[in-house]
Amino acid sequence: MVQYNLSSGDLAFAALADATRRSLLQQLGRADASITSLAHRFEMTLTGMKKHISVLEKAGLVETRKVGRVRTCSLGRRELKAEAEWIEAYRKLFEARFDALDRLIFEMQQEKDDGPAGEQ
């Protein structure tokens, strides 16, 4: 079996790919919460919530601490600067490609509106 060593960026993108995990980050951005309260709020099993939190924790996006029997979650300290830069580079690339496509379509429309060469 092939073993992959995922980078922190890969882990972050994998964690953020899920809508529930993105919603969890929004919720934790408002206030820390126990895994149990998050499970109730998101109407899922405790086991399911623990799996989501584990993925976010491995990516460094969430931190947990246990006090007695309660495990409380908070936003992690990991910044997404490298991921934001990667996205921005591709945004610029696609923007340039779409601008070029817009120019091509405009030129083709102009040629169509002007009619075949020599006719006027």
PDB file of N, CA and C in Angstrom:
ATOM      1  N   MET A   1       0.847  -1.175   0.000  1.00  0.00           N
ATOM      2  CA  MET A   1       0.000   0.000   0.000  1.00  0.00           C
ATOM      3  C   MET A   1       0.892   1.238   0.000  1.00  0.00           C
ATOM      4  N   VAL A   2       0.497   2.236  -0.752  1.00  0.00           N
ATOM      5  CA  VAL A   2       1.258   3.469  -0.839  1.00  0.00           C
ATOM      6  C   VAL A   2       0.972   4.317   0.394  1.00  0.00           C
ATOM      7  N   GLN A   3       2.019   4.813   1.016  1.00  0.00           N
ATOM      8  CA  GLN A   3       1.881   5.691   2.168  1.00  0.00           C
ATOM      9  C   GLN A   3       2.197   7.117   1.729  1.00  0.00           C
ATOM     10  N   TYR A   4       1.361   8.043   2.066  1.00  0.00           N
ATOM     11  CA  TYR A   4       1.572   9.440   1.727  1.00  0.00           C
ATOM     12  C   TYR A   4       1.883  10.223   2.997  1.00  0.00           C
ATOM     13  N   ASN A   5       2.865  11.073   2.904  1.00  0.00           N
ATOM     14  CA  ASN A   5       3.140  12.004   3.989  1.00  0.00           C
ATOM     15  C   ASN A   5       2.506  13.326   3.594  1.00  0.00           C
ATOM     16  N   LEU A   6       1.418  13.651   4.239  1.00  0.00           N
ATOM     17  CA  LEU A   6       0.691  14.866   3.897  1.00  0.00           C
ATOM     18  C   LEU A   6       1.352  16.075   4.546  1.00  0.00           C
ATOM     19  N   SER A   7       1.490  17.144   3.776  1.00  0.00           N
ATOM     20  CA  SER A   7       2.020  18.388   4.317  1.00  0.00           C
ATOM     21  C   SER A   7       0.936  19.059   5.146  1.00  0.00           C
ATOM     22  N   SER A   8       1.335  20.079   5.891  1.00  0.00           N
ATOM     23  CA  SER A   8       0.344  20.806   6.681  1.00  0.00           C
ATOM     24  C   SER A   8      -0.684  21.469   5.766  1.00  0.00           C
ATOM     25  N   GLY A   9      -0.250  21.894   4.570  1.00  0.00           N
ATOM     26  CA  GLY A   9      -1.187  22.469   3.607  1.00  0.00           C
ATOM     27  C   GLY A   9      -2.196  21.450   3.130  1.00  0.00           C
ATOM     28  N   ASP A  10      -1.725  20.229   2.847  1.00  0.00           N
ATOM     29  CA  ASP A  10      -2.636  19.164   2.428  1.00  0.00           C
ATOM     30  C   ASP A  10      -3.664  18.872   3.518  1.00  0.00           C
ATOM     31  N   LEU A  11      -3.196  18.826   4.765  1.00  0.00           N
ATOM     32  CA  LEU A  11      -4.108  18.557   5.877  1.00  0.00           C
ATOM     33  C   LEU A  11      -5.131  19.682   6.029  1.00  0.00           C
ATOM     34  N   ALA A  12      -4.681  20.923   5.851  1.00  0.00           N
ATOM     35  CA  ALA A  12      -5.599  22.061   5.978  1.00  0.00           C
ATOM     36  C   ALA A  12      -6.649  22.037   4.872  1.00  0.00           C
ATOM     37  N   PHE A  13      -6.215  21.815   3.621  1.00  0.00           N
ATOM     38  CA  PHE A  13      -7.185  21.783   2.525  1.00  0.00           C
ATOM     39  C   PHE A  13      -8.154  20.613   2.688  1.00  0.00           C
ATOM     40  N   ALA A  14      -7.657  19.473   3.139  1.00  0.00           N
ATOM     41  CA  ALA A  14      -8.533  18.317   3.362  1.00  0.00           C
ATOM     42  C   ALA A  14      -9.553  18.635   4.456  1.00  0.00           C
ATOM     43  N   ALA A  15      -9.102  19.295   5.511  1.00  0.00           N
ATOM     44  CA  ALA A  15     -10.011  19.646   6.609  1.00  0.00           C
ATOM     45  C   ALA A  15     -11.062  20.649   6.141  1.00  0.00           C
ATOM     46  N   LEU A  16     -10.639  21.622   5.348  1.00  0.00           N
ATOM     47  CA  LEU A  16     -11.547  22.671   4.894  1.00  0.00           C
ATOM     48  C   LEU A  16     -12.468  22.224   3.764  1.00  0.00           C
ATOM     49  N   ALA A  17     -12.211  21.053   3.198  1.00  0.00           N
ATOM     50  CA  ALA A  17     -13.028  20.564   2.083  1.00  0.00           C
ATOM     51  C   ALA A  17     -14.434  20.171   2.525  1.00  0.00           C
ATOM     52  N   ASP A  18     -14.618  19.983   3.809  1.00  0.00           N
ATOM     53  CA  ASP A  18     -15.903  19.525   4.330  1.00  0.00           C
ATOM     54  C   ASP A  18     -16.709  20.701   4.895  1.00  0.00           C
ATOM     55  N   ALA A  19     -17.947  20.829   4.470  1.00  0.00           N
ATOM     56  CA  ALA A  19     -18.803  21.941   4.901  1.00  0.00           C
ATOM     57  C   ALA A  19     -19.042  21.932   6.414  1.00  0.00           C
ATOM     58  N   THR A  20     -19.188  20.765   6.995  1.00  0.00           N
ATOM     59  CA  THR A  20     -19.409  20.688   8.444  1.00  0.00           C
ATOM     60  C   THR A  20     -18.203  21.227   9.190  1.00  0.00           C
ATOM     61  N   ARG A  21     -17.009  20.863   8.739  1.00  0.00           N
ATOM     62  CA  ARG A  21     -15.797  21.340   9.418  1.00  0.00           C
ATOM     63  C   ARG A  21     -15.635  22.856   9.257  1.00  0.00           C
ATOM     64  N   ARG A  22     -15.993  23.380   8.086  1.00  0.00           N
ATOM     65  CA  ARG A  22     -15.943  24.837   7.916  1.00  0.00           C
ATOM     66  C   ARG A  22     -16.931  25.509   8.868  1.00  0.00           C
ATOM     67  N   SER A  23     -18.112  24.927   9.025  1.00  0.00           N
ATOM     68  CA  SER A  23     -19.109  25.467   9.960  1.00  0.00           C
ATOM     69  C   SER A  23     -18.617  25.375  11.402  1.00  0.00           C
ATOM     70  N   LEU A  24     -17.927  24.302  11.717  1.00  0.00           N
ATOM     71  CA  LEU A  24     -17.356  24.162  13.060  1.00  0.00           C
ATOM     72  C   LEU A  24     -16.362  25.277  13.340  1.00  0.00           C
ATOM     73  N   LEU A  25     -15.523  25.604  12.362  1.00  0.00           N
ATOM     74  CA  LEU A  25     -14.553  26.681  12.545  1.00  0.00           C
ATOM     75  C   LEU A  25     -15.260  28.016  12.750  1.00  0.00           C
ATOM     76  N   GLN A  26     -16.345  28.240  12.016  1.00  0.00           N
ATOM     77  CA  GLN A  26     -17.111  29.477  12.213  1.00  0.00           C
ATOM     78  C   GLN A  26     -17.678  29.525  13.630  1.00  0.00           C
ATOM     79  N   GLN A  27     -18.216  28.410  14.081  1.00  0.00           N
ATOM     80  CA  GLN A  27     -18.789  28.343  15.420  1.00  0.00           C
ATOM     81  C   GLN A  27     -17.710  28.589  16.471  1.00  0.00           C
ATOM     82  N   LEU A  28     -16.563  27.952  16.321  1.00  0.00           N
ATOM     83  CA  LEU A  28     -15.493  28.116  17.297  1.00  0.00           C
ATOM     84  C   LEU A  28     -14.876  29.515  17.222  1.00  0.00           C
ATOM     85  N   GLY A  29     -15.042  30.186  16.104  1.00  0.00           N
ATOM     86  CA  GLY A  29     -14.595  31.567  15.999  1.00  0.00           C
ATOM     87  C   GLY A  29     -15.428  32.491  16.883  1.00  0.00           C
ATOM     88  N   ARG A  30     -16.645  32.088  17.180  1.00  0.00           N
ATOM     89  CA  ARG A  30     -17.520  32.880  18.048  1.00  0.00           C
ATOM     90  C   ARG A  30     -17.269  32.565  19.519  1.00  0.00           C
ATOM     91  N   ALA A  31     -17.046  31.286  19.829  1.00  0.00           N
ATOM     92  CA  ALA A  31     -16.833  30.896  21.226  1.00  0.00           C
ATOM     93  C   ALA A  31     -16.313  29.465  21.293  1.00  0.00           C
ATOM     94  N   ASP A  32     -15.482  29.197  22.280  1.00  0.00           N
ATOM     95  CA  ASP A  32     -15.034  27.835  22.544  1.00  0.00           C
ATOM     96  C   ASP A  32     -16.254  26.989  22.900  1.00  0.00           C
ATOM     97  N   ALA A  33     -16.148  25.681  22.663  1.00  0.00           N
ATOM     98  CA  ALA A  33     -17.287  24.810  22.957  1.00  0.00           C
ATOM     99  C   ALA A  33     -16.798  23.397  23.227  1.00  0.00           C
ATOM    100  N   SER A  34     -17.583  22.672  23.994  1.00  0.00           N
ATOM    101  CA  SER A  34     -17.261  21.266  24.252  1.00  0.00           C
ATOM    102  C   SER A  34     -17.654  20.441  23.026  1.00  0.00           C
ATOM    103  N   ILE A  35     -17.023  19.304  22.895  1.00  0.00           N
ATOM    104  CA  ILE A  35     -17.362  18.408  21.783  1.00  0.00           C
ATOM    105  C   ILE A  35     -18.831  17.989  21.896  1.00  0.00           C
ATOM    106  N   THR A  36     -19.297  17.753  23.113  1.00  0.00           N
ATOM    107  CA  THR A  36     -20.691  17.353  23.317  1.00  0.00           C
ATOM    108  C   THR A  36     -21.656  18.444  22.853  1.00  0.00           C
ATOM    109  N   SER A  37     -21.373  19.689  23.211  1.00  0.00           N
ATOM    110  CA  SER A  37     -22.273  20.771  22.795  1.00  0.00           C
ATOM    111  C   SER A  37     -22.229  20.971  21.279  1.00  0.00           C
ATOM    112  N   LEU A  38     -21.059  20.789  20.682  1.00  0.00           N
ATOM    113  CA  LEU A  38     -20.963  20.888  19.224  1.00  0.00           C
ATOM    114  C   LEU A  38     -21.758  19.770  18.548  1.00  0.00           C
ATOM    115  N   ALA A  39     -21.676  18.566  19.102  1.00  0.00           N
ATOM    116  CA  ALA A  39     -22.430  17.440  18.543  1.00  0.00           C
ATOM    117  C   ALA A  39     -23.928  17.729  18.586  1.00  0.00           C
ATOM    118  N   HIS A  40     -24.401  18.288  19.698  1.00  0.00           N
ATOM    119  CA  HIS A  40     -25.831  18.638  19.806  1.00  0.00           C
ATOM    120  C   HIS A  40     -26.189  19.735  18.808  1.00  0.00           C
ATOM    121  N   ARG A  41     -25.365  20.771  18.750  1.00  0.00           N
ATOM    122  CA  ARG A  41     -25.648  21.912  17.860  1.00  0.00           C
ATOM    123  C   ARG A  41     -25.712  21.468  16.401  1.00  0.00           C
ATOM    124  N   PHE A  42     -24.823  20.541  16.010  1.00  0.00           N
ATOM    125  CA  PHE A  42     -24.770  20.088  14.620  1.00  0.00           C
ATOM    126  C   PHE A  42     -25.595  18.815  14.384  1.00  0.00           C
ATOM    127  N   GLU A  43     -26.328  18.417  15.410  1.00  0.00           N
ATOM    128  CA  GLU A  43     -27.214  17.254  15.318  1.00  0.00           C
ATOM    129  C   GLU A  43     -26.502  16.025  14.752  1.00  0.00           C
ATOM    130  N   MET A  44     -25.396  15.669  15.406  1.00  0.00           N
ATOM    131  CA  MET A  44     -24.672  14.465  15.004  1.00  0.00           C
ATOM    132  C   MET A  44     -24.226  13.705  16.241  1.00  0.00           C
ATOM    133  N   THR A  45     -23.780  12.497  16.017  1.00  0.00           N
ATOM    134  CA  THR A  45     -23.336  11.670  17.136  1.00  0.00           C
ATOM    135  C   THR A  45     -22.031  12.223  17.702  1.00  0.00           C
ATOM    136  N   LEU A  46     -21.770  11.885  18.935  1.00  0.00           N
ATOM    137  CA  LEU A  46     -20.530  12.288  19.583  1.00  0.00           C
ATOM    138  C   LEU A  46     -19.332  11.713  18.832  1.00  0.00           C
ATOM    139  N   THR A  47     -19.455  10.479  18.367  1.00  0.00           N
ATOM    140  CA  THR A  47     -18.382   9.830  17.602  1.00  0.00           C
ATOM    141  C   THR A  47     -18.112  10.584  16.301  1.00  0.00           C
ATOM    142  N   GLY A  48     -19.170  10.966  15.615  1.00  0.00           N
ATOM    143  CA  GLY A  48     -19.013  11.721  14.371  1.00  0.00           C
ATOM    144  C   GLY A  48     -18.336  13.057  14.607  1.00  0.00           C
ATOM    145  N   MET A  49     -18.737  13.750  15.675  1.00  0.00           N
ATOM    146  CA  MET A  49     -18.138  15.049  15.990  1.00  0.00           C
ATOM    147  C   MET A  49     -16.664  14.877  16.355  1.00  0.00           C
ATOM    148  N   LYS A  50     -16.348  13.831  17.120  1.00  0.00           N
ATOM    149  CA  LYS A  50     -14.951  13.593  17.490  1.00  0.00           C
ATOM    150  C   LYS A  50     -14.091  13.390  16.252  1.00  0.00           C
ATOM    151  N   LYS A  51     -14.629  12.723  15.239  1.00  0.00           N
ATOM    152  CA  LYS A  51     -13.875  12.516  13.999  1.00  0.00           C
ATOM    153  C   LYS A  51     -13.611  13.833  13.285  1.00  0.00           C
ATOM    154  N   HIS A  52     -14.628  14.688  13.211  1.00  0.00           N
ATOM    155  CA  HIS A  52     -14.448  15.996  12.579  1.00  0.00           C
ATOM    156  C   HIS A  52     -13.411  16.827  13.340  1.00  0.00           C
ATOM    157  N   ILE A  53     -13.522  16.837  14.657  1.00  0.00           N
ATOM    158  CA  ILE A  53     -12.587  17.606  15.482  1.00  0.00           C
ATOM    159  C   ILE A  53     -11.174  17.055  15.321  1.00  0.00           C
ATOM    160  N   SER A  54     -11.036  15.746  15.228  1.00  0.00           N
ATOM    161  CA  SER A  54      -9.720  15.131  15.053  1.00  0.00           C
ATOM    162  C   SER A  54      -9.056  15.594  13.758  1.00  0.00           C
ATOM    163  N   VAL A  55      -9.832  15.654  12.680  1.00  0.00           N
ATOM    164  CA  VAL A  55      -9.292  16.112  11.389  1.00  0.00           C
ATOM    165  C   VAL A  55      -8.838  17.566  11.515  1.00  0.00           C
ATOM    166  N   LEU A  56      -9.661  18.403  12.136  1.00  0.00           N
ATOM    167  CA  LEU A  56      -9.308  19.812  12.308  1.00  0.00           C
ATOM    168  C   LEU A  56      -8.097  19.984  13.225  1.00  0.00           C
ATOM    169  N   GLU A  57      -8.013  19.128  14.219  1.00  0.00           N
ATOM    170  CA  GLU A  57      -6.898  19.194  15.158  1.00  0.00           C
ATOM    171  C   GLU A  57      -5.586  18.784  14.486  1.00  0.00           C
ATOM    172  N   LYS A  58      -5.626  17.726  13.673  1.00  0.00           N
ATOM    173  CA  LYS A  58      -4.422  17.299  12.948  1.00  0.00           C
ATOM    174  C   LYS A  58      -3.927  18.376  11.994  1.00  0.00           C
ATOM    175  N   ALA A  59      -4.854  19.161  11.462  1.00  0.00           N
ATOM    176  CA  ALA A  59      -4.487  20.248  10.546  1.00  0.00           C
ATOM    177  C   ALA A  59      -4.033  21.493  11.303  1.00  0.00           C
ATOM    178  N   GLY A  60      -4.151  21.481  12.627  1.00  0.00           N
ATOM    179  CA  GLY A  60      -3.741  22.619  13.436  1.00  0.00           C
ATOM    180  C   GLY A  60      -4.766  23.739  13.477  1.00  0.00           C
ATOM    181  N   LEU A  61      -5.968  23.454  12.998  1.00  0.00           N
ATOM    182  CA  LEU A  61      -7.001  24.487  12.941  1.00  0.00           C
ATOM    183  C   LEU A  61      -7.832  24.561  14.218  1.00  0.00           C
ATOM    184  N   VAL A  62      -7.775  23.501  15.015  1.00  0.00           N
ATOM    185  CA  VAL A  62      -8.520  23.431  16.276  1.00  0.00           C
ATOM    186  C   VAL A  62      -7.591  22.858  17.339  1.00  0.00           C
ATOM    187  N   GLU A  63      -7.750  23.362  18.546  1.00  0.00           N
ATOM    188  CA  GLU A  63      -7.032  22.811  19.702  1.00  0.00           C
ATOM    189  C   GLU A  63      -8.077  22.332  20.700  1.00  0.00           C
ATOM    190  N   THR A  64      -7.759  21.244  21.398  1.00  0.00           N
ATOM    191  CA  THR A  64      -8.672  20.762  22.432  1.00  0.00           C
ATOM    192  C   THR A  64      -7.923  20.668  23.752  1.00  0.00           C
ATOM    193  N   ARG A  65      -8.679  20.817  24.823  1.00  0.00           N
ATOM    194  CA  ARG A  65      -8.116  20.632  26.153  1.00  0.00           C
ATOM    195  C   ARG A  65      -9.171  19.921  26.997  1.00  0.00           C
ATOM    196  N   LYS A  66      -8.679  19.069  27.854  1.00  0.00           N
ATOM    197  CA  LYS A  66      -9.596  18.287  28.676  1.00  0.00           C
ATOM    198  C   LYS A  66      -9.514  18.774  30.116  1.00  0.00           C
ATOM    199  N   VAL A  67     -10.680  19.123  30.641  1.00  0.00           N
ATOM    200  CA  VAL A  67     -10.795  19.514  32.040  1.00  0.00           C
ATOM    201  C   VAL A  67     -11.824  18.587  32.647  1.00  0.00           C
ATOM    202  N   GLY A  68     -11.381  17.697  33.505  1.00  0.00           N
ATOM    203  CA  GLY A  68     -12.279  16.691  34.061  1.00  0.00           C
ATOM    204  C   GLY A  68     -12.728  15.758  32.944  1.00  0.00           C
ATOM    205  N   ARG A  69     -14.019  15.657  32.764  1.00  0.00           N
ATOM    206  CA  ARG A  69     -14.560  14.781  31.722  1.00  0.00           C
ATOM    207  C   ARG A  69     -14.943  15.547  30.463  1.00  0.00           C
ATOM    208  N   VAL A  70     -14.722  16.852  30.464  1.00  0.00           N
ATOM    209  CA  VAL A  70     -15.156  17.686  29.343  1.00  0.00           C
ATOM    210  C   VAL A  70     -13.962  18.057  28.471  1.00  0.00           C
ATOM    211  N   ARG A  71     -14.090  17.770  27.174  1.00  0.00           N
ATOM    212  CA  ARG A  71     -13.069  18.175  26.200  1.00  0.00           C
ATOM    213  C   ARG A  71     -13.597  19.410  25.478  1.00  0.00           C
ATOM    214  N   THR A  72     -12.886  20.524  25.660  1.00  0.00           N
ATOM    215  CA  THR A  72     -13.289  21.800  25.075  1.00  0.00           C
ATOM    216  C   THR A  72     -12.434  22.108  23.860  1.00  0.00           C
ATOM    217  N   CYS A  73     -13.083  22.628  22.829  1.00  0.00           N
ATOM    218  CA  CYS A  73     -12.412  22.958  21.565  1.00  0.00           C
ATOM    219  C   CYS A  73     -12.314  24.465  21.410  1.00  0.00           C
ATOM    220  N   SER A  74     -11.215  24.887  20.819  1.00  0.00           N
ATOM    221  CA  SER A  74     -11.040  26.301  20.472  1.00  0.00           C
ATOM    222  C   SER A  74     -10.290  26.360  19.148  1.00  0.00           C
ATOM    223  N   LEU A  75     -10.304  27.532  18.531  1.00  0.00           N
ATOM    224  CA  LEU A  75      -9.566  27.679  17.286  1.00  0.00           C
ATOM    225  C   LEU A  75      -8.085  27.467  17.542  1.00  0.00           C
ATOM    226  N   GLY A  76      -7.425  26.824  16.592  1.00  0.00           N
ATOM    227  CA  GLY A  76      -5.998  26.602  16.699  1.00  0.00           C
ATOM    228  C   GLY A  76      -5.225  27.864  16.363  1.00  0.00           C
ATOM    229  N   ARG A  77      -3.943  27.811  16.590  1.00  0.00           N
ATOM    230  CA  ARG A  77      -3.097  28.971  16.348  1.00  0.00           C
ATOM    231  C   ARG A  77      -2.519  28.994  14.936  1.00  0.00           C
ATOM    232  N   ARG A  78      -2.767  27.960  14.200  1.00  0.00           N
ATOM    233  CA  ARG A  78      -2.184  27.843  12.862  1.00  0.00           C
ATOM    234  C   ARG A  78      -2.795  28.850  11.910  1.00  0.00           C
ATOM    235  N   GLU A  79      -1.931  29.598  11.259  1.00  0.00           N
ATOM    236  CA  GLU A  79      -2.385  30.525  10.235  1.00  0.00           C
ATOM    237  C   GLU A  79      -2.474  29.790   8.909  1.00  0.00           C
ATOM    238  N   LEU A  80      -3.253  30.293   8.017  1.00  0.00           N
ATOM    239  CA  LEU A  80      -3.401  29.691   6.692  1.00  0.00           C
ATOM    240  C   LEU A  80      -2.730  30.559   5.628  1.00  0.00           C
ATOM    241  N   LYS A  81      -1.619  31.195   6.012  1.00  0.00           N
ATOM    242  CA  LYS A  81      -0.945  32.127   5.114  1.00  0.00           C
ATOM    243  C   LYS A  81      -0.451  31.436   3.841  1.00  0.00           C
ATOM    244  N   ALA A  82       0.219  30.308   3.972  1.00  0.00           N
ATOM    245  CA  ALA A  82       0.742  29.599   2.794  1.00  0.00           C
ATOM    246  C   ALA A  82      -0.390  29.142   1.883  1.00  0.00           C
ATOM    247  N   GLU A  83      -1.482  28.670   2.469  1.00  0.00           N
ATOM    248  CA  GLU A  83      -2.629  28.224   1.671  1.00  0.00           C
ATOM    249  C   GLU A  83      -3.281  29.407   0.963  1.00  0.00           C
ATOM    250  N   ALA A  84      -3.384  30.540   1.657  1.00  0.00           N
ATOM    251  CA  ALA A  84      -3.963  31.742   1.048  1.00  0.00           C
ATOM    252  C   ALA A  84      -3.097  32.231  -0.109  1.00  0.00           C
ATOM    253  N   GLU A  85      -1.784  32.159   0.048  1.00  0.00           N
ATOM    254  CA  GLU A  85      -0.878  32.561  -1.037  1.00  0.00           C
ATOM    255  C   GLU A  85      -1.022  31.625  -2.233  1.00  0.00           C
ATOM    256  N   TRP A  86      -1.170  30.333  -1.983  1.00  0.00           N
ATOM    257  CA  TRP A  86      -1.338  29.358  -3.068  1.00  0.00           C
ATOM    258  C   TRP A  86      -2.634  29.649  -3.825  1.00  0.00           C
ATOM    259  N   ILE A  87      -3.700  29.890  -3.087  1.00  0.00           N
ATOM    260  CA  ILE A  87      -4.990  30.200  -3.714  1.00  0.00           C
ATOM    261  C   ILE A  87      -4.884  31.493  -4.515  1.00  0.00           C
ATOM    262  N   GLU A  88      -4.235  32.494  -3.961  1.00  0.00           N
ATOM    263  CA  GLU A  88      -4.103  33.782  -4.639  1.00  0.00           C
ATOM    264  C   GLU A  88      -3.333  33.637  -5.956  1.00  0.00           C
ATOM    265  N   ALA A  89      -2.290  32.819  -5.971  1.00  0.00           N
ATOM    266  CA  ALA A  89      -1.526  32.606  -7.205  1.00  0.00           C
ATOM    267  C   ALA A  89      -2.421  32.000  -8.285  1.00  0.00           C
ATOM    268  N   TYR A  90      -3.228  31.029  -7.924  1.00  0.00           N
ATOM    269  CA  TYR A  90      -4.132  30.417  -8.903  1.00  0.00           C
ATOM    270  C   TYR A  90      -5.271  31.347  -9.284  1.00  0.00           C
ATOM    271  N   ARG A  91      -5.723  32.184  -8.349  1.00  0.00           N
ATOM    272  CA  ARG A  91      -6.750  33.166  -8.679  1.00  0.00           C
ATOM    273  C   ARG A  91      -6.226  34.120  -9.744  1.00  0.00           C
ATOM    274  N   LYS A  92      -4.994  34.578  -9.581  1.00  0.00           N
ATOM    275  CA  LYS A  92      -4.389  35.485 -10.566  1.00  0.00           C
ATOM    276  C   LYS A  92      -4.230  34.801 -11.920  1.00  0.00           C
ATOM    277  N   LEU A  93      -3.815  33.530 -11.896  1.00  0.00           N
ATOM    278  CA  LEU A  93      -3.643  32.778 -13.138  1.00  0.00           C
ATOM    279  C   LEU A  93      -4.976  32.663 -13.887  1.00  0.00           C
ATOM    280  N   PHE A  94      -6.025  32.267 -13.185  1.00  0.00           N
ATOM    281  CA  PHE A  94      -7.324  32.113 -13.821  1.00  0.00           C
ATOM    282  C   PHE A  94      -7.896  33.456 -14.258  1.00  0.00           C
ATOM    283  N   GLU A  95      -7.668  34.491 -13.471  1.00  0.00           N
ATOM    284  CA  GLU A  95      -8.131  35.813 -13.851  1.00  0.00           C
ATOM    285  C   GLU A  95      -7.483  36.250 -15.168  1.00  0.00           C
ATOM    286  N   ALA A  96      -6.182  36.001 -15.307  1.00  0.00           N
ATOM    287  CA  ALA A  96      -5.486  36.349 -16.548  1.00  0.00           C
ATOM    288  C   ALA A  96      -6.041  35.546 -17.721  1.00  0.00           C
ATOM    289  N   ARG A  97      -6.310  34.275 -17.497  1.00  0.00           N
ATOM    290  CA  ARG A  97      -6.865  33.439 -18.571  1.00  0.00           C
ATOM    291  C   ARG A  97      -8.264  33.889 -18.973  1.00  0.00           C
ATOM    292  N   PHE A  98      -9.088  34.235 -18.004  1.00  0.00           N
ATOM    293  CA  PHE A  98     -10.438  34.707 -18.322  1.00  0.00           C
ATOM    294  C   PHE A  98     -10.391  36.064 -19.025  1.00  0.00           C
ATOM    295  N   ASP A  99      -9.451  36.925 -18.631  1.00  0.00           N
ATOM    296  CA  ASP A  99      -9.295  38.211 -19.319  1.00  0.00           C
ATOM    297  C   ASP A  99      -8.909  37.984 -20.778  1.00  0.00           C
ATOM    298  N   ALA A 100      -7.991  37.047 -21.017  1.00  0.00           N
ATOM    299  CA  ALA A 100      -7.584  36.736 -22.392  1.00  0.00           C
ATOM    300  C   ALA A 100      -8.769  36.174 -23.183  1.00  0.00           C
ATOM    301  N   LEU A 101      -9.557  35.333 -22.562  1.00  0.00           N
ATOM    302  CA  LEU A 101     -10.739  34.778 -23.226  1.00  0.00           C
ATOM    303  C   LEU A 101     -11.741  35.885 -23.544  1.00  0.00           C
ATOM    304  N   ASP A 102     -11.947  36.803 -22.603  1.00  0.00           N
ATOM    305  CA  ASP A 102     -12.851  37.937 -22.854  1.00  0.00           C
ATOM    306  C   ASP A 102     -12.375  38.754 -24.058  1.00  0.00           C
ATOM    307  N   ARG A 103     -11.059  39.006 -24.135  1.00  0.00           N
ATOM    308  CA  ARG A 103     -10.525  39.764 -25.273  1.00  0.00           C
ATOM    309  C   ARG A 103     -10.760  39.021 -26.580  1.00  0.00           C
ATOM    310  N   LEU A 104     -10.529  37.712 -26.582  1.00  0.00           N
ATOM    311  CA  LEU A 104     -10.727  36.904 -27.784  1.00  0.00           C
ATOM    312  C   LEU A 104     -12.191  36.933 -28.222  1.00  0.00           C
ATOM    313  N   ILE A 105     -13.092  36.770 -27.284  1.00  0.00           N
ATOM    314  CA  ILE A 105     -14.523  36.809 -27.611  1.00  0.00           C
ATOM    315  C   ILE A 105     -14.902  38.183 -28.155  1.00  0.00           C
ATOM    316  N   PHE A 106     -14.383  39.240 -27.547  1.00  0.00           N
ATOM    317  CA  PHE A 106     -14.671  40.594 -28.022  1.00  0.00           C
ATOM    318  C   PHE A 106     -14.179  40.769 -29.464  1.00  0.00           C
ATOM    319  N   GLU A 107     -12.946  40.315 -29.741  1.00  0.00           N
ATOM    320  CA  GLU A 107     -12.392  40.424 -31.090  1.00  0.00           C
ATOM    321  C   GLU A 107     -13.212  39.620 -32.095  1.00  0.00           C
ATOM    322  N   MET A 108     -13.630  38.425 -31.705  1.00  0.00           N
ATOM    323  CA  MET A 108     -14.436  37.597 -32.597  1.00  0.00           C
ATOM    324  C   MET A 108     -15.793  38.261 -32.859  1.00  0.00           C
ATOM    325  N   GLN A 109     -16.366  38.861 -31.822  1.00  0.00           N
ATOM    326  CA  GLN A 109     -17.643  39.555 -31.986  1.00  0.00           C
ATOM    327  C   GLN A 109     -17.490  40.756 -32.909  1.00  0.00           C
ATOM    328  N   GLN A 110     -16.383  41.478 -32.775  1.00  0.00           N
ATOM    329  CA  GLN A 110     -16.119  42.630 -33.645  1.00  0.00           C
ATOM    330  C   GLN A 110     -16.008  42.192 -35.099  1.00  0.00           C
ATOM    331  N   GLU A 111     -15.281  41.083 -35.335  1.00  0.00           N
ATOM    332  CA  GLU A 111     -15.140  40.564 -36.700  1.00  0.00           C
ATOM    333  C   GLU A 111     -16.493  40.154 -37.266  1.00  0.00           C
ATOM    334  N   LYS A 112     -17.316  39.547 -36.446  1.00  0.00           N
ATOM    335  CA  LYS A 112     -18.647  39.118 -36.879  1.00  0.00           C
ATOM    336  C   LYS A 112     -19.509  40.334 -37.217  1.00  0.00           C
ATOM    337  N   ASP A 113     -19.433  41.351 -36.360  1.00  0.00           N
ATOM    338  CA  ASP A 113     -20.233  42.556 -36.579  1.00  0.00           C
ATOM    339  C   ASP A 113     -19.769  43.328 -37.816  1.00  0.00           C
ATOM    340  N   ASP A 114     -18.481  43.305 -38.130  1.00  0.00           N
ATOM    341  CA  ASP A 114     -17.927  44.017 -39.276  1.00  0.00           C
ATOM    342  C   ASP A 114     -18.194  43.258 -40.581  1.00  0.00           C
ATOM    343  N   GLY A 115     -18.552  42.013 -40.492  1.00  0.00           N
ATOM    344  CA  GLY A 115     -18.805  41.202 -41.682  1.00  0.00           C
ATOM    345  C   GLY A 115     -17.508  40.708 -42.311  1.00  0.00           C
ATOM    346  N   PRO A 116     -17.621  39.874 -43.352  1.00  0.00           N
ATOM    347  CA  PRO A 116     -16.429  39.342 -43.996  1.00  0.00           C
ATOM    348  C   PRO A 116     -15.568  40.470 -44.570  1.00  0.00           C
ATOM    349  N   ALA A 117     -14.293  40.222 -44.644  1.00  0.00           N
ATOM    350  CA  ALA A 117     -13.343  41.221 -45.171  1.00  0.00           C
ATOM    351  C   ALA A 117     -13.735  41.629 -46.567  1.00  0.00           C
ATOM    352  N   GLY A 118     -13.679  42.908 -46.838  1.00  0.00           N
ATOM    353  CA  GLY A 118     -13.968  43.421 -48.167  1.00  0.00           C
ATOM    354  C   GLY A 118     -15.412  43.828 -48.352  1.00  0.00           C
ATOM    355  N   GLU A 119     -16.324  43.431 -47.466  1.00  0.00           N
ATOM    356  CA  GLU A 119     -17.741  43.812 -47.581  1.00  0.00           C
ATOM    357  C   GLU A 119     -18.014  45.018 -46.703  1.00  0.00           C
ATOM    358  N   GLN A 120     -18.604  46.014 -47.228  1.00  0.00           N
ATOM    359  CA  GLN A 120     -19.064  47.191 -46.469  1.00  0.00           C
ATOM    360  C   GLN A 120     -19.799  48.106 -47.349  1.00  0.00           C
TER     361      GLN A 120
END
